[in-house]
Amino acid sequence: MIIETSRFGGIDVDDQRFLNFPRGLLGFPDDKDYALIQTGENSAFYWMQAVHRPELAFVVCDPRMFIPDFRIAIKSEDLASVGLTDTHGSQVFVIVNKVDDTLTANLQGPLVINVATRVGKQLVLSEKKFTTRHPLMQLPSRQAAMSRTA
């Protein structure tokens, strides 16, 4: 299926790459359908592009790529809402943001996805050990990048 994006124009997305969030995401309750677009062959990051809004997309990643011991307790009702009885068959993503020269992850609002049905839900965790801006990696500063090319 071809979807329109503000970043890449029209792109053809395999049917197996679509995700559905029946309750939407925090702040975006009406946007329920997304396409998971890989940013590069070996990249840890994906674009989660809203299917019906070309201007709406989030960068997401599997937090365990950066925080190997990242674990969350998922309530049984949250698992049931995506059609699961346990965490087997689930995939967790977090939304990534750029703050200055740092990529951060929203660990308090992870996305839990049923891999088989591609139905997901955004959780809201109350544990204080997680933040909405957990540092994942430092990006090269513009000055450093410019001095390397000069």
C-alpha atoms as a PDB file:
ATOM      1  CA  MET A   1       0.000   0.000   0.000  1.00  0.00           C
ATOM      2  CA  ILE A   2       1.292   3.469  -0.832  1.00  0.00           C
ATOM      3  CA  ILE A   3       1.076   6.041   1.947  1.00  0.00           C
ATOM      4  CA  GLU A   4       1.955   9.707   1.791  1.00  0.00           C
ATOM      5  CA  THR A   5       4.580  11.103   4.131  1.00  0.00           C
ATOM      6  CA  SER A   6       5.825  14.658   4.572  1.00  0.00           C
ATOM      7  CA  ARG A   7       9.423  13.402   4.872  1.00  0.00           C
ATOM      8  CA  PHE A   8       9.691  10.859   2.069  1.00  0.00           C
ATOM      9  CA  GLY A   9       6.738  11.548  -0.240  1.00  0.00           C
ATOM     10  CA  GLY A  10       4.695   8.515  -1.270  1.00  0.00           C
ATOM     11  CA  ILE A  11       6.183   5.224  -0.124  1.00  0.00           C
ATOM     12  CA  ASP A  12       5.096   1.647  -0.668  1.00  0.00           C
ATOM     13  CA  VAL A  13       4.666  -0.136   2.663  1.00  0.00           C
ATOM     14  CA  ASP A  14       4.321  -3.902   3.005  1.00  0.00           C
ATOM     15  CA  ASP A  15       1.027  -4.946   4.621  1.00  0.00           C
ATOM     16  CA  GLN A  16       2.978  -6.671   7.414  1.00  0.00           C
ATOM     17  CA  ARG A  17       4.419  -3.309   8.517  1.00  0.00           C
ATOM     18  CA  PHE A  18       1.123  -1.720   9.598  1.00  0.00           C
ATOM     19  CA  LEU A  19       0.299  -1.221  13.274  1.00  0.00           C
ATOM     20  CA  ASN A  20      -3.053  -0.409  14.840  1.00  0.00           C
ATOM     21  CA  PHE A  21      -3.494   1.402  18.152  1.00  0.00           C
ATOM     22  CA  PRO A  22      -7.253   1.180  18.867  1.00  0.00           C
ATOM     23  CA  ARG A  23      -7.029   3.974  21.465  1.00  0.00           C
ATOM     24  CA  GLY A  24      -4.448   6.020  19.568  1.00  0.00           C
ATOM     25  CA  LEU A  25      -1.374   7.443  21.266  1.00  0.00           C
ATOM     26  CA  LEU A  26      -1.169  10.023  24.028  1.00  0.00           C
ATOM     27  CA  GLY A  27      -2.059  13.354  22.467  1.00  0.00           C
ATOM     28  CA  PHE A  28      -3.161  11.677  19.231  1.00  0.00           C
ATOM     29  CA  PRO A  29      -6.304   9.672  20.100  1.00  0.00           C
ATOM     30  CA  ASP A  30      -7.758   9.882  16.581  1.00  0.00           C
ATOM     31  CA  ASP A  31      -4.642   8.565  14.810  1.00  0.00           C
ATOM     32  CA  LYS A  32      -4.893   4.810  15.158  1.00  0.00           C
ATOM     33  CA  ASP A  33      -3.102   3.395  12.096  1.00  0.00           C
ATOM     34  CA  TYR A  34       0.653   3.614  11.578  1.00  0.00           C
ATOM     35  CA  ALA A  35       3.257   2.125   9.281  1.00  0.00           C
ATOM     36  CA  LEU A  36       6.589   0.991  10.693  1.00  0.00           C
ATOM     37  CA  ILE A  37       9.282   2.157   8.283  1.00  0.00           C
ATOM     38  CA  GLN A  38      12.884   1.049   8.717  1.00  0.00           C
ATOM     39  CA  THR A  39      15.306   3.973   8.484  1.00  0.00           C
ATOM     40  CA  GLY A  40      18.223   1.910   7.220  1.00  0.00           C
ATOM     41  CA  GLU A  41      19.174  -1.716   6.730  1.00  0.00           C
ATOM     42  CA  ASN A  42      21.069  -2.026  10.010  1.00  0.00           C
ATOM     43  CA  SER A  43      19.483   0.863  11.892  1.00  0.00           C
ATOM     44  CA  ALA A  44      18.064   0.494  15.396  1.00  0.00           C
ATOM     45  CA  PHE A  45      15.515   3.211  14.599  1.00  0.00           C
ATOM     46  CA  TYR A  46      12.214   3.158  12.731  1.00  0.00           C
ATOM     47  CA  TRP A  47       9.744   5.802  11.620  1.00  0.00           C
ATOM     48  CA  MET A  48       6.265   5.091  12.901  1.00  0.00           C
ATOM     49  CA  GLN A  49       4.311   7.010  10.277  1.00  0.00           C
ATOM     50  CA  ALA A  50       0.616   7.834  10.708  1.00  0.00           C
ATOM     51  CA  VAL A  51      -1.204   6.337   7.730  1.00  0.00           C
ATOM     52  CA  HIS A  52      -3.780   9.115   7.347  1.00  0.00           C
ATOM     53  CA  ARG A  53      -1.650  12.140   8.359  1.00  0.00           C
ATOM     54  CA  PRO A  54       1.496  12.619   6.276  1.00  0.00           C
ATOM     55  CA  GLU A  55       2.885  15.164   8.752  1.00  0.00           C
ATOM     56  CA  LEU A  56       2.626  12.863  11.802  1.00  0.00           C
ATOM     57  CA  ALA A  57       5.462  10.431  12.464  1.00  0.00           C
ATOM     58  CA  PHE A  58       7.503   9.311  15.438  1.00  0.00           C
ATOM     59  CA  VAL A  59      10.977   7.825  15.630  1.00  0.00           C
ATOM     60  CA  VAL A  60      10.849   4.619  17.676  1.00  0.00           C
ATOM     61  CA  CYS A  61      13.292   1.923  18.733  1.00  0.00           C
ATOM     62  CA  ASP A  62      13.516  -1.206  20.833  1.00  0.00           C
ATOM     63  CA  PRO A  63      14.860   0.195  24.124  1.00  0.00           C
ATOM     64  CA  ARG A  64      16.862  -2.963  24.790  1.00  0.00           C
ATOM     65  CA  MET A  65      19.188  -1.978  21.952  1.00  0.00           C
ATOM     66  CA  PHE A  66      20.458   0.790  24.259  1.00  0.00           C
ATOM     67  CA  ILE A  67      19.377  -0.407  27.716  1.00  0.00           C
ATOM     68  CA  PRO A  68      19.918  -4.195  27.713  1.00  0.00           C
ATOM     69  CA  ASP A  69      18.324  -4.702  31.151  1.00  0.00           C
ATOM     70  CA  PHE A  70      15.201  -2.657  30.354  1.00  0.00           C
ATOM     71  CA  ARG A  71      12.195  -4.548  31.683  1.00  0.00           C
ATOM     72  CA  ILE A  72       8.679  -3.431  32.450  1.00  0.00           C
ATOM     73  CA  ALA A  73       5.847  -5.147  34.248  1.00  0.00           C
ATOM     74  CA  ILE A  74       2.854  -5.160  31.928  1.00  0.00           C
ATOM     75  CA  LYS A  75      -0.532  -5.499  33.613  1.00  0.00           C
ATOM     76  CA  SER A  76      -2.694  -8.408  32.477  1.00  0.00           C
ATOM     77  CA  GLU A  77      -5.446  -6.014  31.317  1.00  0.00           C
ATOM     78  CA  ASP A  78      -2.933  -4.151  29.130  1.00  0.00           C
ATOM     79  CA  LEU A  79      -1.783  -7.449  27.610  1.00  0.00           C
ATOM     80  CA  ALA A  80      -5.400  -8.497  27.079  1.00  0.00           C
ATOM     81  CA  SER A  81      -6.147  -5.202  25.307  1.00  0.00           C
ATOM     82  CA  VAL A  82      -3.665  -6.200  22.577  1.00  0.00           C
ATOM     83  CA  GLY A  83      -4.795  -9.839  22.546  1.00  0.00           C
ATOM     84  CA  LEU A  84      -2.054 -11.417  24.659  1.00  0.00           C
ATOM     85  CA  THR A  85      -2.066 -13.430  27.876  1.00  0.00           C
ATOM     86  CA  ASP A  86       1.673 -12.995  28.554  1.00  0.00           C
ATOM     87  CA  THR A  87       4.600 -11.034  27.124  1.00  0.00           C
ATOM     88  CA  HIS A  88       5.625 -13.782  24.706  1.00  0.00           C
ATOM     89  CA  GLY A  89       4.675 -12.591  21.251  1.00  0.00           C
ATOM     90  CA  SER A  90       5.014  -8.927  22.183  1.00  0.00           C
ATOM     91  CA  GLN A  91       7.414  -6.241  21.027  1.00  0.00           C
ATOM     92  CA  VAL A  92       8.153  -3.096  23.000  1.00  0.00           C
ATOM     93  CA  PHE A  93       9.128   0.170  21.354  1.00  0.00           C
ATOM     94  CA  VAL A  94       9.759   3.601  22.832  1.00  0.00           C
ATOM     95  CA  ILE A  95       9.346   6.982  21.194  1.00  0.00           C
ATOM     96  CA  VAL A  96      12.645   8.756  20.597  1.00  0.00           C
ATOM     97  CA  ASN A  97      13.185  12.518  20.701  1.00  0.00           C
ATOM     98  CA  LYS A  98      16.158  14.740  20.004  1.00  0.00           C
ATOM     99  CA  VAL A  99      17.020  17.124  22.827  1.00  0.00           C
ATOM    100  CA  ASP A 100      19.958  19.319  21.845  1.00  0.00           C
ATOM    101  CA  ASP A 101      22.632  16.808  20.771  1.00  0.00           C
ATOM    102  CA  THR A 102      21.139  13.836  22.615  1.00  0.00           C
ATOM    103  CA  LEU A 103      18.627  11.226  21.527  1.00  0.00           C
ATOM    104  CA  THR A 104      16.287  10.457  24.402  1.00  0.00           C
ATOM    105  CA  ALA A 105      13.624   7.805  24.915  1.00  0.00           C
ATOM    106  CA  ASN A 106      10.238   8.058  26.581  1.00  0.00           C
ATOM    107  CA  LEU A 107      10.552   5.072  28.909  1.00  0.00           C
ATOM    108  CA  GLN A 108       7.405   6.073  30.821  1.00  0.00           C
ATOM    109  CA  GLY A 109       5.215   5.655  27.737  1.00  0.00           C
ATOM    110  CA  PRO A 110       6.376   2.468  25.996  1.00  0.00           C
ATOM    111  CA  LEU A 111       4.430   0.972  23.104  1.00  0.00           C
ATOM    112  CA  VAL A 112       3.507  -2.697  23.509  1.00  0.00           C
ATOM    113  CA  ILE A 113       2.656  -4.492  20.279  1.00  0.00           C
ATOM    114  CA  ASN A 114       1.210  -7.933  19.645  1.00  0.00           C
ATOM    115  CA  VAL A 115       3.597  -9.188  16.953  1.00  0.00           C
ATOM    116  CA  ALA A 116       1.051 -11.579  15.405  1.00  0.00           C
ATOM    117  CA  THR A 117      -1.857  -9.132  15.066  1.00  0.00           C
ATOM    118  CA  ARG A 118       0.159  -5.875  15.020  1.00  0.00           C
ATOM    119  CA  VAL A 119      -2.250  -4.321  17.543  1.00  0.00           C
ATOM    120  CA  GLY A 120      -0.602  -2.012  20.046  1.00  0.00           C
ATOM    121  CA  LYS A 121      -1.151   0.108  23.089  1.00  0.00           C
ATOM    122  CA  GLN A 122       0.805   2.911  24.661  1.00  0.00           C
ATOM    123  CA  LEU A 123       1.327   2.306  28.354  1.00  0.00           C
ATOM    124  CA  VAL A 124       1.702   4.977  31.014  1.00  0.00           C
ATOM    125  CA  LEU A 125       4.118   3.751  33.660  1.00  0.00           C
ATOM    126  CA  SER A 126       4.123   5.326  37.099  1.00  0.00           C
ATOM    127  CA  GLU A 127       7.450   3.881  38.216  1.00  0.00           C
ATOM    128  CA  LYS A 128       9.815   6.708  39.105  1.00  0.00           C
ATOM    129  CA  LYS A 129      12.831   4.806  37.800  1.00  0.00           C
ATOM    130  CA  PHE A 130      11.700   5.646  34.257  1.00  0.00           C
ATOM    131  CA  THR A 131      11.694   9.083  32.682  1.00  0.00           C
ATOM    132  CA  THR A 132      10.251  10.583  29.524  1.00  0.00           C
ATOM    133  CA  ARG A 133      13.728  11.739  28.478  1.00  0.00           C
ATOM    134  CA  HIS A 134      16.114   8.886  29.193  1.00  0.00           C
ATOM    135  CA  PRO A 135      19.385   9.547  27.301  1.00  0.00           C
ATOM    136  CA  LEU A 136      20.094   6.920  24.640  1.00  0.00           C
ATOM    137  CA  MET A 137      23.032   8.360  22.764  1.00  0.00           C
ATOM    138  CA  GLN A 138      24.943  11.554  22.150  1.00  0.00           C
ATOM    139  CA  LEU A 139      24.934  12.875  18.608  1.00  0.00           C
ATOM    140  CA  PRO A 140      27.970  14.619  17.150  1.00  0.00           C
ATOM    141  CA  SER A 141      27.581  18.356  17.649  1.00  0.00           C
ATOM    142  CA  ARG A 142      27.235  20.483  14.523  1.00  0.00           C
ATOM    143  CA  GLN A 143      30.533  22.235  15.234  1.00  0.00           C
ATOM    144  CA  ALA A 144      32.383  18.913  15.548  1.00  0.00           C
ATOM    145  CA  ALA A 145      30.748  17.614  12.376  1.00  0.00           C
ATOM    146  CA  MET A 146      31.605  20.788  10.481  1.00  0.00           C
ATOM    147  CA  SER A 147      35.239  20.735  11.640  1.00  0.00           C
ATOM    148  CA  ARG A 148      35.636  17.140  10.431  1.00  0.00           C
ATOM    149  CA  THR A 149      34.444  18.089   6.937  1.00  0.00           C
ATOM    150  CA  ALA A 150      36.616  21.213   6.694  1.00  0.00           C
END
